Amino acid sequence: MRIFITGAGGFVGAHSTMELLKAGHEVRLLLRDPSTVQRYYKNLGFQVEDIVQGDMTDADLVRSNMRDCDAVLHSAAMVTLGERNADQVIRINVDGVKNVVGGAHELGIQNILYVSSALALFSPGISHIDENTPLGTSSNPYGHSKVISEQYVRELQESGAPIQVTYPTSVIGPDDPKFSEGNKALRLFAELLMLITTTGLQYVDVRDLAHTHRLLLERGCPSTPQEARYLTTGHFQSWAEIADLIEAATGRRVRRISAPPGLLLALGTLCDKIKRFVPFEFPMTREAMTYVTQWAVADASKLQSELDISFRELEATYSDTIKWMRGAKHMKPAPR
């Protein structure tokens, strides 16, 4: 099977690409920076030659290079929880979905997989997320772009388009080509501080997500595409449980600060206001603190039942990820 892949220079797309290559499939990658990405794959033992240089917002380029492919995996997205470049984030992500997913459907491709986000299904106040949860109310540019994209994809599914959708939570794991947001947050928790507050978080191992994508593409879209939506969410843990596992994986004490949700939401609002005048990189926004304090447990049982798979234990994920971070100089060396 020849698969057209966007986002193969990013974390999820890269691991999904390698999973497909290991299974013997052919891939065609849409990349903005081919030489850098090729070096990444070569360092991990993969040779990738079928590459299209360009961007997912170039509709003509995307369409012309999907024509002779058997399947499409759209994992590319511009990710940020901040308000900077909001219009650009929404435009790029929504146009990308229309060009890749919509374009593949118009070309008659019968095996299309779109990587959405569990954020598209999150709204403050809910306690449970599954495939029947209404679309979320995110106002953050990234989350809002996912909601708009989801509305478009669901309209196609309702018309019978053969599109499957996955909804990952925060993704972590080793061999991250761009040191993505999930791994950055994990490093922050390990080396700076851990906020202990209400609810918790669900991390999914990038390797489990890649494995899921391969199985879905090999199976193909079911006859009822309206049902082809899958939470890919890993195990839910409280913030204290996450801190315990980080300590076990790093061999270091995690600095823990208990914080009531009201305070964190107020601090997130304050940071949003300051960033309008003094841009700075720090993962505290009103939206991010809403996720931190009100995250609902996301249920991946439908996926696990249909594909007969399970997610690896997070102890192994944390251990492998931190070992890779240290080797890649993203994190301080292990204590002696």
C-alpha atoms as a PDB file:
ATOM      1  CA  MET A   1       0.000   0.000   0.000  1.00  0.00           C
ATOM      2  CA  ARG A   2       1.292   3.458  -0.940  1.00  0.00           C
ATOM      3  CA  ILE A   3       0.340   6.052   1.674  1.00  0.00           C
ATOM      4  CA  PHE A   4       0.504   9.839   1.306  1.00  0.00           C
ATOM      5  CA  ILE A   5       1.524  11.311   4.674  1.00  0.00           C
ATOM      6  CA  THR A   6       1.504  14.872   5.972  1.00  0.00           C
ATOM      7  CA  GLY A   7       3.267  15.816   9.194  1.00  0.00           C
ATOM      8  CA  ALA A   8       5.999  13.194   8.790  1.00  0.00           C
ATOM      9  CA  GLY A   9       8.535  15.699  10.095  1.00  0.00           C
ATOM     10  CA  GLY A  10       6.592  15.968  13.352  1.00  0.00           C
ATOM     11  CA  PHE A  11       6.342  13.624  16.293  1.00  0.00           C
ATOM     12  CA  VAL A  12       3.160  11.662  15.550  1.00  0.00           C
ATOM     13  CA  GLY A  13       3.670  11.652  11.798  1.00  0.00           C
ATOM     14  CA  ALA A  14       7.280  10.487  12.067  1.00  0.00           C
ATOM     15  CA  HIS A  15       6.506   7.536  14.300  1.00  0.00           C
ATOM     16  CA  SER A  16       3.477   6.597  12.187  1.00  0.00           C
ATOM     17  CA  THR A  17       5.660   6.711   9.078  1.00  0.00           C
ATOM     18  CA  MET A  18       8.290   4.442  10.639  1.00  0.00           C
ATOM     19  CA  GLU A  19       5.612   2.011  11.821  1.00  0.00           C
ATOM     20  CA  LEU A  20       4.236   1.788   8.271  1.00  0.00           C
ATOM     21  CA  LEU A  21       7.700   1.358   6.766  1.00  0.00           C
ATOM     22  CA  LYS A  22       8.504  -1.455   9.194  1.00  0.00           C
ATOM     23  CA  ALA A  23       5.304  -3.200   8.061  1.00  0.00           C
ATOM     24  CA  GLY A  24       6.461  -3.036   4.411  1.00  0.00           C
ATOM     25  CA  HIS A  25       4.270  -0.227   3.120  1.00  0.00           C
ATOM     26  CA  GLU A  26       5.390   2.510   0.716  1.00  0.00           C
ATOM     27  CA  VAL A  27       5.144   6.119   1.837  1.00  0.00           C
ATOM     28  CA  ARG A  28       5.118   9.473   0.081  1.00  0.00           C
ATOM     29  CA  LEU A  29       5.898  12.332   2.435  1.00  0.00           C
ATOM     30  CA  LEU A  30       4.859  15.967   2.094  1.00  0.00           C
ATOM     31  CA  LEU A  31       7.639  17.950   3.786  1.00  0.00           C
ATOM     32  CA  ARG A  32       8.684  21.569   4.020  1.00  0.00           C
ATOM     33  CA  ASP A  33      12.278  20.690   4.926  1.00  0.00           C
ATOM     34  CA  PRO A  34      13.169  17.334   3.303  1.00  0.00           C
ATOM     35  CA  SER A  35      16.910  17.292   4.068  1.00  0.00           C
ATOM     36  CA  THR A  36      16.466  17.715   7.827  1.00  0.00           C
ATOM     37  CA  VAL A  37      13.734  15.089   7.987  1.00  0.00           C
ATOM     38  CA  GLN A  38      15.688  12.633   5.864  1.00  0.00           C
ATOM     39  CA  ARG A  39      18.597  12.901   8.311  1.00  0.00           C
ATOM     40  CA  TYR A  40      16.238  12.146  11.174  1.00  0.00           C
ATOM     41  CA  TYR A  41      14.967   8.987   9.480  1.00  0.00           C
ATOM     42  CA  LYS A  42      18.448   7.902   8.418  1.00  0.00           C
ATOM     43  CA  ASN A  43      19.705   8.208  11.999  1.00  0.00           C
ATOM     44  CA  LEU A  44      16.963   5.793  13.027  1.00  0.00           C
ATOM     45  CA  GLY A  45      17.716   3.346  10.219  1.00  0.00           C
ATOM     46  CA  PHE A  46      15.124   4.339   7.606  1.00  0.00           C
ATOM     47  CA  GLN A  47      15.708   5.481   4.044  1.00  0.00           C
ATOM     48  CA  VAL A  48      12.918   7.654   2.646  1.00  0.00           C
ATOM     49  CA  GLU A  49      13.137   8.760  -0.980  1.00  0.00           C
ATOM     50  CA  ASP A  50       9.574   9.496  -2.149  1.00  0.00           C
ATOM     51  CA  ILE A  51       9.309  13.066  -0.883  1.00  0.00           C
ATOM     52  CA  VAL A  52       7.296  16.052  -2.060  1.00  0.00           C
ATOM     53  CA  GLN A  53       8.627  19.400  -0.921  1.00  0.00           C
ATOM     54  CA  GLY A  54       5.835  21.774  -0.054  1.00  0.00           C
ATOM     55  CA  ASP A  55       3.071  22.668   2.339  1.00  0.00           C
ATOM     56  CA  MET A  56      -0.388  21.263   3.089  1.00  0.00           C
ATOM     57  CA  THR A  57      -1.945  24.650   2.282  1.00  0.00           C
ATOM     58  CA  ASP A  58      -0.925  24.215  -1.389  1.00  0.00           C
ATOM     59  CA  ALA A  59      -4.074  22.512  -2.658  1.00  0.00           C
ATOM     60  CA  ASP A  60      -2.835  21.829  -6.191  1.00  0.00           C
ATOM     61  CA  LEU A  61       0.445  20.315  -4.993  1.00  0.00           C
ATOM     62  CA  VAL A  62      -1.323  18.117  -2.461  1.00  0.00           C
ATOM     63  CA  ARG A  63      -3.924  16.891  -4.911  1.00  0.00           C
ATOM     64  CA  SER A  64      -1.466  16.081  -7.702  1.00  0.00           C
ATOM     65  CA  ASN A  65       0.693  13.975  -5.385  1.00  0.00           C
ATOM     66  CA  MET A  66      -2.171  12.037  -3.793  1.00  0.00           C
ATOM     67  CA  ARG A  67      -3.615  10.817  -7.083  1.00  0.00           C
ATOM     68  CA  ASP A  68      -1.762   7.495  -7.325  1.00  0.00           C
ATOM     69  CA  CYS A  69      -1.815   6.700  -3.588  1.00  0.00           C
ATOM     70  CA  ASP A  70      -3.923   3.991  -1.962  1.00  0.00           C
ATOM     71  CA  ALA A  71      -4.350   5.775   1.373  1.00  0.00           C
ATOM     72  CA  VAL A  72      -3.808   9.123   3.079  1.00  0.00           C
ATOM     73  CA  LEU A  73      -2.667   9.904   6.622  1.00  0.00           C
ATOM     74  CA  HIS A  74      -3.114  13.551   7.611  1.00  0.00           C
ATOM     75  CA  SER A  75      -1.225  14.255  10.835  1.00  0.00           C
ATOM     76  CA  ALA A  76       0.177  17.725  10.113  1.00  0.00           C
ATOM     77  CA  ALA A  77      -0.950  20.648  12.264  1.00  0.00           C
ATOM     78  CA  MET A  78       0.362  23.891  13.670  1.00  0.00           C
ATOM     79  CA  VAL A  79       0.306  23.388  17.455  1.00  0.00           C
ATOM     80  CA  THR A  80       0.254  26.124  20.089  1.00  0.00           C
ATOM     81  CA  LEU A  81      -1.778  26.811  23.243  1.00  0.00           C
ATOM     82  CA  GLY A  82      -0.944  30.512  23.143  1.00  0.00           C
ATOM     83  CA  GLU A  83      -2.833  33.315  21.435  1.00  0.00           C
ATOM     84  CA  ARG A  84       0.025  34.476  19.209  1.00  0.00           C
ATOM     85  CA  ASN A  85      -0.610  34.051  15.476  1.00  0.00           C
ATOM     86  CA  ALA A  86      -4.161  32.898  16.222  1.00  0.00           C
ATOM     87  CA  ASP A  87      -5.537  33.642  12.758  1.00  0.00           C
ATOM     88  CA  GLN A  88      -2.588  31.882  11.132  1.00  0.00           C
ATOM     89  CA  VAL A  89      -3.006  28.749  13.269  1.00  0.00           C
ATOM     90  CA  ILE A  90      -6.700  28.458  12.434  1.00  0.00           C
ATOM     91  CA  ARG A  91      -6.204  29.169   8.730  1.00  0.00           C
ATOM     92  CA  ILE A  92      -3.328  26.725   8.277  1.00  0.00           C
ATOM     93  CA  ASN A  93      -4.938  23.871  10.182  1.00  0.00           C
ATOM     94  CA  VAL A  94      -8.387  24.211   8.648  1.00  0.00           C
ATOM     95  CA  ASP A  95      -7.076  24.745   5.100  1.00  0.00           C
ATOM     96  CA  GLY A  96      -4.791  21.752   5.566  1.00  0.00           C
ATOM     97  CA  VAL A  97      -7.694  19.477   6.466  1.00  0.00           C
ATOM     98  CA  LYS A  98      -9.762  20.706   3.543  1.00  0.00           C
ATOM     99  CA  ASN A  99      -6.899  20.280   1.090  1.00  0.00           C
ATOM    100  CA  VAL A 100      -5.699  16.882   2.306  1.00  0.00           C
ATOM    101  CA  VAL A 101      -8.759  15.107   3.691  1.00  0.00           C
ATOM    102  CA  GLY A 102     -11.295  16.811   1.447  1.00  0.00           C
ATOM    103  CA  GLY A 103      -8.994  16.558  -1.570  1.00  0.00           C
ATOM    104  CA  ALA A 104      -8.411  12.838  -1.005  1.00  0.00           C
ATOM    105  CA  HIS A 105     -12.155  12.238  -0.855  1.00  0.00           C
ATOM    106  CA  GLU A 106     -12.716  14.183  -4.078  1.00  0.00           C
ATOM    107  CA  LEU A 107     -10.044  12.065  -5.763  1.00  0.00           C
ATOM    108  CA  GLY A 108     -11.896   8.920  -4.764  1.00  0.00           C
ATOM    109  CA  ILE A 109      -9.300   7.598  -2.310  1.00  0.00           C
ATOM    110  CA  GLN A 110     -11.059   5.013  -0.141  1.00  0.00           C
ATOM    111  CA  ASN A 111      -8.731   4.924   2.861  1.00  0.00           C
ATOM    112  CA  ILE A 112      -8.294   8.263   4.662  1.00  0.00           C
ATOM    113  CA  LEU A 113      -7.097   8.721   8.246  1.00  0.00           C
ATOM    114  CA  TYR A 114      -7.213  12.107   9.973  1.00  0.00           C
ATOM    115  CA  VAL A 115      -5.412  12.778  13.259  1.00  0.00           C
ATOM    116  CA  SER A 116      -7.598  15.133  15.286  1.00  0.00           C
ATOM    117  CA  SER A 117      -7.228  15.789  19.032  1.00  0.00           C
ATOM    118  CA  ALA A 118      -9.152  14.959  22.189  1.00  0.00           C
ATOM    119  CA  LEU A 119      -9.212  18.732  22.710  1.00  0.00           C
ATOM    120  CA  ALA A 120     -11.830  18.881  19.941  1.00  0.00           C
ATOM    121  CA  LEU A 121     -14.208  17.057  22.298  1.00  0.00           C
ATOM    122  CA  PHE A 122     -13.391  18.864  25.542  1.00  0.00           C
ATOM    123  CA  SER A 123     -15.595  21.433  27.233  1.00  0.00           C
ATOM    124  CA  PRO A 124     -15.248  22.712  30.809  1.00  0.00           C
ATOM    125  CA  GLY A 125     -17.580  20.973  33.231  1.00  0.00           C
ATOM    126  CA  ILE A 126     -17.831  17.559  31.578  1.00  0.00           C
ATOM    127  CA  SER A 127     -16.541  14.465  33.405  1.00  0.00           C
ATOM    128  CA  HIS A 128     -16.273  11.945  30.567  1.00  0.00           C
ATOM    129  CA  ILE A 129     -15.214  11.966  26.917  1.00  0.00           C
ATOM    130  CA  ASP A 130     -15.982   9.305  24.333  1.00  0.00           C
ATOM    131  CA  GLU A 131     -16.779   9.185  20.618  1.00  0.00           C
ATOM    132  CA  ASN A 132     -20.345  10.407  21.238  1.00  0.00           C
ATOM    133  CA  THR A 133     -19.301  13.505  23.178  1.00  0.00           C
ATOM    134  CA  PRO A 134     -20.455  16.721  21.456  1.00  0.00           C
ATOM    135  CA  LEU A 135     -17.792  18.914  19.903  1.00  0.00           C
ATOM    136  CA  GLY A 136     -15.940  21.096  22.370  1.00  0.00           C
ATOM    137  CA  THR A 137     -16.027  24.814  23.016  1.00  0.00           C
ATOM    138  CA  SER A 138     -12.313  25.645  22.881  1.00  0.00           C
ATOM    139  CA  SER A 139     -11.478  29.282  22.171  1.00  0.00           C
ATOM    140  CA  ASN A 140      -7.733  28.624  21.997  1.00  0.00           C
ATOM    141  CA  PRO A 141      -6.517  28.902  18.364  1.00  0.00           C
ATOM    142  CA  TYR A 142      -5.250  25.316  18.158  1.00  0.00           C
ATOM    143  CA  GLY A 143      -8.254  23.781  19.918  1.00  0.00           C
ATOM    144  CA  HIS A 144     -10.659  25.967  17.938  1.00  0.00           C
ATOM    145  CA  SER A 145      -8.987  24.956  14.663  1.00  0.00           C
ATOM    146  CA  LYS A 146      -9.499  21.312  15.624  1.00  0.00           C
ATOM    147  CA  VAL A 147     -13.187  21.906  16.329  1.00  0.00           C
ATOM    148  CA  ILE A 148     -13.719  23.656  12.982  1.00  0.00           C
ATOM    149  CA  SER A 149     -11.795  20.900  11.191  1.00  0.00           C
ATOM    150  CA  GLU A 150     -13.826  18.270  13.009  1.00  0.00           C
ATOM    151  CA  GLN A 151     -17.080  19.842  11.882  1.00  0.00           C
ATOM    152  CA  TYR A 152     -15.868  19.693   8.278  1.00  0.00           C
ATOM    153  CA  VAL A 153     -14.672  16.081   8.532  1.00  0.00           C
ATOM    154  CA  ARG A 154     -17.909  14.951  10.171  1.00  0.00           C
ATOM    155  CA  GLU A 155     -19.933  16.468   7.348  1.00  0.00           C
ATOM    156  CA  LEU A 156     -17.878  14.399   4.921  1.00  0.00           C
ATOM    157  CA  GLN A 157     -18.315  11.260   7.039  1.00  0.00           C
ATOM    158  CA  GLU A 158     -22.064  11.789   7.203  1.00  0.00           C
ATOM    159  CA  SER A 159     -22.131  11.913   3.400  1.00  0.00           C
ATOM    160  CA  GLY A 160     -20.366   8.531   3.296  1.00  0.00           C
ATOM    161  CA  ALA A 161     -16.749   9.643   2.861  1.00  0.00           C
ATOM    162  CA  PRO A 162     -14.333   6.836   3.940  1.00  0.00           C
ATOM    163  CA  ILE A 163     -12.562   8.799   6.682  1.00  0.00           C
ATOM    164  CA  GLN A 164     -11.341   7.469  10.016  1.00  0.00           C
ATOM    165  CA  VAL A 165     -10.438   9.871  12.832  1.00  0.00           C
ATOM    166  CA  THR A 166      -8.219   9.451  15.884  1.00  0.00           C
ATOM    167  CA  TYR A 167      -8.320  11.718  18.939  1.00  0.00           C
ATOM    168  CA  PRO A 168      -5.034  11.595  20.881  1.00  0.00           C
ATOM    169  CA  THR A 169      -4.507  13.230  24.238  1.00  0.00           C
ATOM    170  CA  SER A 170      -1.069  14.627  25.130  1.00  0.00           C
ATOM    171  CA  VAL A 171       1.586  12.607  23.290  1.00  0.00           C
ATOM    172  CA  ILE A 172       4.986  11.719  24.754  1.00  0.00           C
ATOM    173  CA  GLY A 173       7.736   9.257  23.893  1.00  0.00           C
ATOM    174  CA  PRO A 174      11.299   8.915  22.597  1.00  0.00           C
ATOM    175  CA  ASP A 175      12.827   9.940  19.245  1.00  0.00           C
ATOM    176  CA  ASP A 176      10.966  13.240  18.944  1.00  0.00           C
ATOM    177  CA  PRO A 177      12.226  15.108  15.864  1.00  0.00           C
ATOM    178  CA  LYS A 178      11.157  18.588  17.009  1.00  0.00           C
ATOM    179  CA  PHE A 179      10.838  18.177  20.795  1.00  0.00           C
ATOM    180  CA  SER A 180       7.080  18.584  20.832  1.00  0.00           C
ATOM    181  CA  GLU A 181       4.768  20.138  23.424  1.00  0.00           C
ATOM    182  CA  GLY A 182       4.032  16.952  25.379  1.00  0.00           C
ATOM    183  CA  ASN A 183       7.704  16.157  25.909  1.00  0.00           C
ATOM    184  CA  LYS A 184       8.488  19.776  26.780  1.00  0.00           C
ATOM    185  CA  ALA A 185       5.801  19.682  29.472  1.00  0.00           C
ATOM    186  CA  LEU A 186       7.215  16.427  30.847  1.00  0.00           C
ATOM    187  CA  ARG A 187      10.669  18.017  31.122  1.00  0.00           C
ATOM    188  CA  LEU A 188       9.157  21.052  32.831  1.00  0.00           C
ATOM    189  CA  PHE A 189       7.491  18.820  35.412  1.00  0.00           C
ATOM    190  CA  ALA A 190      10.699  16.874  36.024  1.00  0.00           C
ATOM    191  CA  GLU A 191      13.124  19.781  36.265  1.00  0.00           C
ATOM    192  CA  LEU A 192      11.123  22.801  37.415  1.00  0.00           C
ATOM    193  CA  LEU A 193       7.923  22.024  39.268  1.00  0.00           C
ATOM    194  CA  MET A 194       4.716  20.027  39.260  1.00  0.00           C
ATOM    195  CA  LEU A 195       1.392  21.674  39.997  1.00  0.00           C
ATOM    196  CA  ILE A 196      -0.770  19.348  42.086  1.00  0.00           C
ATOM    197  CA  THR A 197      -4.381  20.325  41.518  1.00  0.00           C
ATOM    198  CA  THR A 198      -7.735  18.813  40.568  1.00  0.00           C
ATOM    199  CA  THR A 199      -8.277  15.997  38.052  1.00  0.00           C
ATOM    200  CA  GLY A 200      -5.187  14.871  36.112  1.00  0.00           C
ATOM    201  CA  LEU A 201      -3.963  14.082  32.612  1.00  0.00           C
ATOM    202  CA  GLN A 202      -3.859  11.343  30.016  1.00  0.00           C
ATOM    203  CA  TYR A 203      -0.573  10.748  28.217  1.00  0.00           C
ATOM    204  CA  VAL A 204      -0.452   8.424  25.231  1.00  0.00           C
ATOM    205  CA  ASP A 205       2.806   6.860  24.060  1.00  0.00           C
ATOM    206  CA  VAL A 206       3.628   7.965  20.510  1.00  0.00           C
ATOM    207  CA  ARG A 207       4.556   4.384  19.624  1.00  0.00           C
ATOM    208  CA  ASP A 208       1.104   3.132  20.640  1.00  0.00           C
ATOM    209  CA  LEU A 209      -0.478   5.894  18.587  1.00  0.00           C
ATOM    210  CA  ALA A 210       1.655   5.007  15.551  1.00  0.00           C
ATOM    211  CA  HIS A 211       0.739   1.337  15.944  1.00  0.00           C
ATOM    212  CA  THR A 212      -2.936   2.303  16.056  1.00  0.00           C
ATOM    213  CA  HIS A 213      -2.615   4.329  12.863  1.00  0.00           C
ATOM    214  CA  ARG A 214      -1.018   1.411  11.034  1.00  0.00           C
ATOM    215  CA  LEU A 215      -3.763  -0.984  12.106  1.00  0.00           C
ATOM    216  CA  LEU A 216      -6.517   1.437  11.091  1.00  0.00           C
ATOM    217  CA  LEU A 217      -4.968   2.033   7.671  1.00  0.00           C
ATOM    218  CA  GLU A 218      -4.409  -1.682   7.073  1.00  0.00           C
ATOM    219  CA  ARG A 219      -8.003  -2.434   8.043  1.00  0.00           C
ATOM    220  CA  GLY A 220      -9.464   0.426   6.028  1.00  0.00           C
ATOM    221  CA  CYS A 221     -12.544   2.475   6.789  1.00  0.00           C
ATOM    222  CA  PRO A 222     -15.606   0.507   7.959  1.00  0.00           C
ATOM    223  CA  SER A 223     -18.827   0.595   5.967  1.00  0.00           C
ATOM    224  CA  THR A 224     -20.296   3.177   8.363  1.00  0.00           C
ATOM    225  CA  PRO A 225     -17.765   6.046   8.389  1.00  0.00           C
ATOM    226  CA  GLN A 226     -19.960   7.970  10.820  1.00  0.00           C
ATOM    227  CA  GLU A 227     -18.779   5.454  13.433  1.00  0.00           C
ATOM    228  CA  ALA A 228     -15.093   5.561  12.438  1.00  0.00           C
ATOM    229  CA  ARG A 229     -13.999   7.827  15.286  1.00  0.00           C
ATOM    230  CA  TYR A 230     -11.576   6.627  17.956  1.00  0.00           C
ATOM    231  CA  LEU A 231     -10.275   8.070  21.209  1.00  0.00           C
ATOM    232  CA  THR A 232      -6.554   7.217  21.460  1.00  0.00           C
ATOM    233  CA  THR A 233      -5.931   8.420  24.952  1.00  0.00           C
ATOM    234  CA  GLY A 234      -3.726   6.223  27.110  1.00  0.00           C
ATOM    235  CA  HIS A 235      -4.128   5.911  30.871  1.00  0.00           C
ATOM    236  CA  PHE A 236      -5.639   8.611  33.098  1.00  0.00           C
ATOM    237  CA  GLN A 237      -3.555   9.605  36.127  1.00  0.00           C
ATOM    238  CA  SER A 238      -3.866  12.235  38.827  1.00  0.00           C
ATOM    239  CA  TRP A 239      -1.158  14.888  38.952  1.00  0.00           C
ATOM    240  CA  ALA A 240       0.282  13.311  42.096  1.00  0.00           C
ATOM    241  CA  GLU A 241       0.486   9.918  40.362  1.00  0.00           C
ATOM    242  CA  ILE A 242       2.263  11.504  37.402  1.00  0.00           C
ATOM    243  CA  ALA A 243       4.760  13.134  39.770  1.00  0.00           C
ATOM    244  CA  ASP A 244       5.422   9.763  41.414  1.00  0.00           C
ATOM    245  CA  LEU A 245       6.168   8.118  38.056  1.00  0.00           C
ATOM    246  CA  ILE A 246       8.443  10.970  36.982  1.00  0.00           C
ATOM    247  CA  GLU A 247      10.402  10.614  40.206  1.00  0.00           C
ATOM    248  CA  ALA A 248      10.779   6.878  39.625  1.00  0.00           C
ATOM    249  CA  ALA A 249      11.953   7.428  36.032  1.00  0.00           C
ATOM    250  CA  THR A 250      14.393  10.261  36.772  1.00  0.00           C
ATOM    251  CA  GLY A 251      15.719   9.226  40.174  1.00  0.00           C
ATOM    252  CA  ARG A 252      15.123  12.806  41.333  1.00  0.00           C
ATOM    253  CA  ARG A 253      12.599  14.458  43.585  1.00  0.00           C
ATOM    254  CA  VAL A 254       9.908  16.434  41.796  1.00  0.00           C
ATOM    255  CA  ARG A 255       9.181  19.857  43.260  1.00  0.00           C
ATOM    256  CA  ARG A 256       5.432  19.769  43.976  1.00  0.00           C
ATOM    257  CA  ILE A 257       3.226  22.777  44.590  1.00  0.00           C
ATOM    258  CA  SER A 258      -0.416  22.355  45.542  1.00  0.00           C
ATOM    259  CA  ALA A 259      -2.553  24.910  43.749  1.00  0.00           C
ATOM    260  CA  PRO A 260      -6.334  25.421  43.814  1.00  0.00           C
ATOM    261  CA  PRO A 261      -7.966  25.597  40.382  1.00  0.00           C
ATOM    262  CA  GLY A 262      -9.245  29.139  40.898  1.00  0.00           C
ATOM    263  CA  LEU A 263      -5.717  30.440  41.405  1.00  0.00           C
ATOM    264  CA  LEU A 264      -4.369  28.649  38.331  1.00  0.00           C
ATOM    265  CA  LEU A 265      -7.181  29.963  36.140  1.00  0.00           C
ATOM    266  CA  ALA A 266      -6.520  33.503  37.399  1.00  0.00           C
ATOM    267  CA  LEU A 267      -2.783  33.152  36.699  1.00  0.00           C
ATOM    268  CA  GLY A 268      -3.530  31.828  33.216  1.00  0.00           C
ATOM    269  CA  THR A 269      -5.740  34.830  32.513  1.00  0.00           C
ATOM    270  CA  LEU A 270      -3.028  37.184  33.759  1.00  0.00           C
ATOM    271  CA  CYS A 271      -0.395  35.546  31.549  1.00  0.00           C
ATOM    272  CA  ASP A 272      -2.686  35.870  28.529  1.00  0.00           C
ATOM    273  CA  LYS A 273      -3.002  39.615  29.144  1.00  0.00           C
ATOM    274  CA  ILE A 274       0.739  40.118  29.639  1.00  0.00           C
ATOM    275  CA  LYS A 275       1.594  38.141  26.485  1.00  0.00           C
ATOM    276  CA  ARG A 276      -0.435  40.578  24.389  1.00  0.00           C
ATOM    277  CA  PHE A 277       2.154  43.246  25.168  1.00  0.00           C
ATOM    278  CA  VAL A 278       5.291  41.272  26.085  1.00  0.00           C
ATOM    279  CA  PRO A 279       5.482  37.992  24.116  1.00  0.00           C
ATOM    280  CA  PHE A 280       7.227  35.216  26.041  1.00  0.00           C
ATOM    281  CA  GLU A 281       7.280  31.438  25.920  1.00  0.00           C
ATOM    282  CA  PHE A 282       5.726  29.866  28.995  1.00  0.00           C
ATOM    283  CA  PRO A 283       2.992  27.187  28.940  1.00  0.00           C
ATOM    284  CA  MET A 284       0.552  29.022  31.200  1.00  0.00           C
ATOM    285  CA  THR A 285      -2.586  30.305  29.519  1.00  0.00           C
ATOM    286  CA  ARG A 286      -6.220  30.418  30.633  1.00  0.00           C
ATOM    287  CA  GLU A 287      -6.994  27.597  28.210  1.00  0.00           C
ATOM    288  CA  ALA A 288      -4.072  25.445  29.351  1.00  0.00           C
ATOM    289  CA  MET A 289      -5.031  25.909  33.015  1.00  0.00           C
ATOM    290  CA  THR A 290      -8.592  24.903  32.163  1.00  0.00           C
ATOM    291  CA  TYR A 291      -7.252  21.606  30.812  1.00  0.00           C
ATOM    292  CA  VAL A 292      -4.972  21.190  33.829  1.00  0.00           C
ATOM    293  CA  THR A 293      -7.749  21.685  36.394  1.00  0.00           C
ATOM    294  CA  GLN A 294     -10.838  20.304  34.612  1.00  0.00           C
ATOM    295  CA  TRP A 295      -9.671  17.521  32.286  1.00  0.00           C
ATOM    296  CA  ALA A 296     -12.316  14.819  31.820  1.00  0.00           C
ATOM    297  CA  VAL A 297     -11.440  11.124  31.611  1.00  0.00           C
ATOM    298  CA  ALA A 298     -11.347  10.084  27.943  1.00  0.00           C
ATOM    299  CA  ASP A 299     -12.465   6.546  27.149  1.00  0.00           C
ATOM    300  CA  ALA A 300     -10.535   4.570  24.506  1.00  0.00           C
ATOM    301  CA  SER A 301     -12.401   1.279  25.028  1.00  0.00           C
ATOM    302  CA  LYS A 302     -14.034   1.384  21.582  1.00  0.00           C
ATOM    303  CA  LEU A 303     -10.646   1.458  19.843  1.00  0.00           C
ATOM    304  CA  GLN A 304      -9.207  -1.230  22.103  1.00  0.00           C
ATOM    305  CA  SER A 305     -12.180  -3.495  21.500  1.00  0.00           C
ATOM    306  CA  GLU A 306     -12.296  -3.119  17.714  1.00  0.00           C
ATOM    307  CA  LEU A 307      -8.544  -3.509  17.173  1.00  0.00           C
ATOM    308  CA  ASP A 308      -7.882  -5.822  20.144  1.00  0.00           C
ATOM    309  CA  ILE A 309      -5.009  -3.662  21.401  1.00  0.00           C
ATOM    310  CA  SER A 310      -3.852  -2.249  24.713  1.00  0.00           C
ATOM    311  CA  PHE A 311      -1.702   0.735  25.633  1.00  0.00           C
ATOM    312  CA  ARG A 312       1.666   0.105  27.257  1.00  0.00           C
ATOM    313  CA  GLU A 313       2.094   0.920  30.916  1.00  0.00           C
ATOM    314  CA  LEU A 314       3.182   4.493  31.514  1.00  0.00           C
ATOM    315  CA  GLU A 315       6.122   3.434  33.670  1.00  0.00           C
ATOM    316  CA  ALA A 316       7.804   2.184  30.474  1.00  0.00           C
ATOM    317  CA  THR A 317       6.808   5.289  28.529  1.00  0.00           C
ATOM    318  CA  TYR A 318       8.246   7.665  31.129  1.00  0.00           C
ATOM    319  CA  SER A 319      11.423   5.627  31.458  1.00  0.00           C
ATOM    320  CA  ASP A 320      12.041   5.409  27.698  1.00  0.00           C
ATOM    321  CA  THR A 321      11.187   9.068  27.135  1.00  0.00           C
ATOM    322  CA  ILE A 322      13.425  10.413  29.887  1.00  0.00           C
ATOM    323  CA  LYS A 323      16.282   8.130  28.833  1.00  0.00           C
ATOM    324  CA  TRP A 324      15.980   9.528  25.290  1.00  0.00           C
ATOM    325  CA  MET A 325      15.749  13.128  26.542  1.00  0.00           C
ATOM    326  CA  ARG A 326      18.975  12.715  28.480  1.00  0.00           C
ATOM    327  CA  GLY A 327      20.750  11.122  25.546  1.00  0.00           C
ATOM    328  CA  ALA A 328      19.549  13.919  23.240  1.00  0.00           C
ATOM    329  CA  LYS A 329      20.685  16.605  25.749  1.00  0.00           C
ATOM    330  CA  HIS A 330      17.135  17.803  26.367  1.00  0.00           C
ATOM    331  CA  MET A 331      17.369  16.956  30.058  1.00  0.00           C
ATOM    332  CA  LYS A 332      19.968  16.962  32.817  1.00  0.00           C
ATOM    333  CA  PRO A 333      22.019  13.760  33.206  1.00  0.00           C
ATOM    334  CA  ALA A 334      20.900  11.069  35.617  1.00  0.00           C
ATOM    335  CA  PRO A 335      22.087  11.529  39.227  1.00  0.00           C
ATOM    336  CA  ARG A 336      25.140   9.538  40.237  1.00  0.00           C
END
